[in-house]
Amino acid sequence: MTISNGRTITVTQPSASYSLVDLATVKDELGIKTADTTNDTSLNRAIRSVSGTISNYCNPPQAPFVVEARSDLFQFPRDPSGGFKFNGDDRIVLSRFPVLKVSSVTQTLADGTTLALVAGTDYLLDAAKGIVMRLDSQGRLTRWEPWPLTVAYVAGYGAVITAESHVIPATPFIVTPTAISTTSTFAIDQGVTFANGTPLTLVTASPITGQYTLGATGAYTFAAADTGKTIALNYAVNQIPDDLIGFCLELISARWKSRGRDPQLIQRETPGVGIERFWYGNEPGHIGPFPPRIQAALDNTYGSPRMA
């Protein structure tokens, strides 16, 4: 949970993975055969390190880029007399974007009751920028009331898949979501229902009828008693932009090729062969964790503040 400027941010469903590139893509880039698992530990460590460095550098509201479910609570300040001190605006800015799905927008009124707001009637959403705008009864932009406001939503680079139909197979009773592919990885579960709309319950192990378990890579496992039944999957996948994947691959490749090398070596000459020089540290006049070209691209594409 994070509290910032009257906004309490809670990640209600973390992503299954915070890596910006997967192991198979890295192996393909480095020319390592899929069946060769000798260096998987080292490569996975590099993937986590580079992904974390890029995400930490860019910071929210876009980073960590992967899909998460969040809840943002906006609490407007009161003046010393106990009344609201509020110069309301007609829009609020969420902690993450792009927004893929809004689950609910609710206000807690003065008497403690909760009011659910309706998209298109009570508010408008700018999904690309993560901005929620208040509408009056005539459908015009107006100021938000000074009541606590909670927005539950899913955001990140990816997609939310709804009502994807499958038939539970016989042994081993596993369903793999269709949208998981070489370009999409599983992010979060959004629930499973039978064909008649009855929800199934997520459990940690040994599902019985009406229950399911979920693997880290998105494999849904059901009970043997539910074999042959039609179910609808609701879930989200990560679809990291190609430029971010490219930056990860470039940095991981450089790290891979420098393994075992003395990082302080600045020149090595082999008579009749040639000279090698390696730069230790940043380039002259440059500060930061990345080569200038990558850093500039991150700044220009993912570092600019959004306009509210």
Foldseek 3Di string as FASTA:
>chain_A
DDDDPQKDKDFPFFWLDLFLADPVVLCVLVVHDPPDCPCVVVLVVLRVVLLVQLQVVLDDPAPVQWKTKMKMKGAADPDPVGHGDDPFDQKDADTYALFAWWPWKWFQDPVRDIDTDDEQQQWDAPNHRRMIGGADNVRDTDTDDNTIMMIITMHHAWHKDWFDKDAQAAPPRKDADPPDDNQKWFTWWPFKAFPVRHTADEDPDDADPSYWYADSRGIIHHHNVRGGTMMTTIGIIHGRDPVSVVQSSVVSVVVVVCPPPDLPAAWDADPPPGMDGHDRDADPPDDDDDHPVSVVVCCVPRNDRDDD
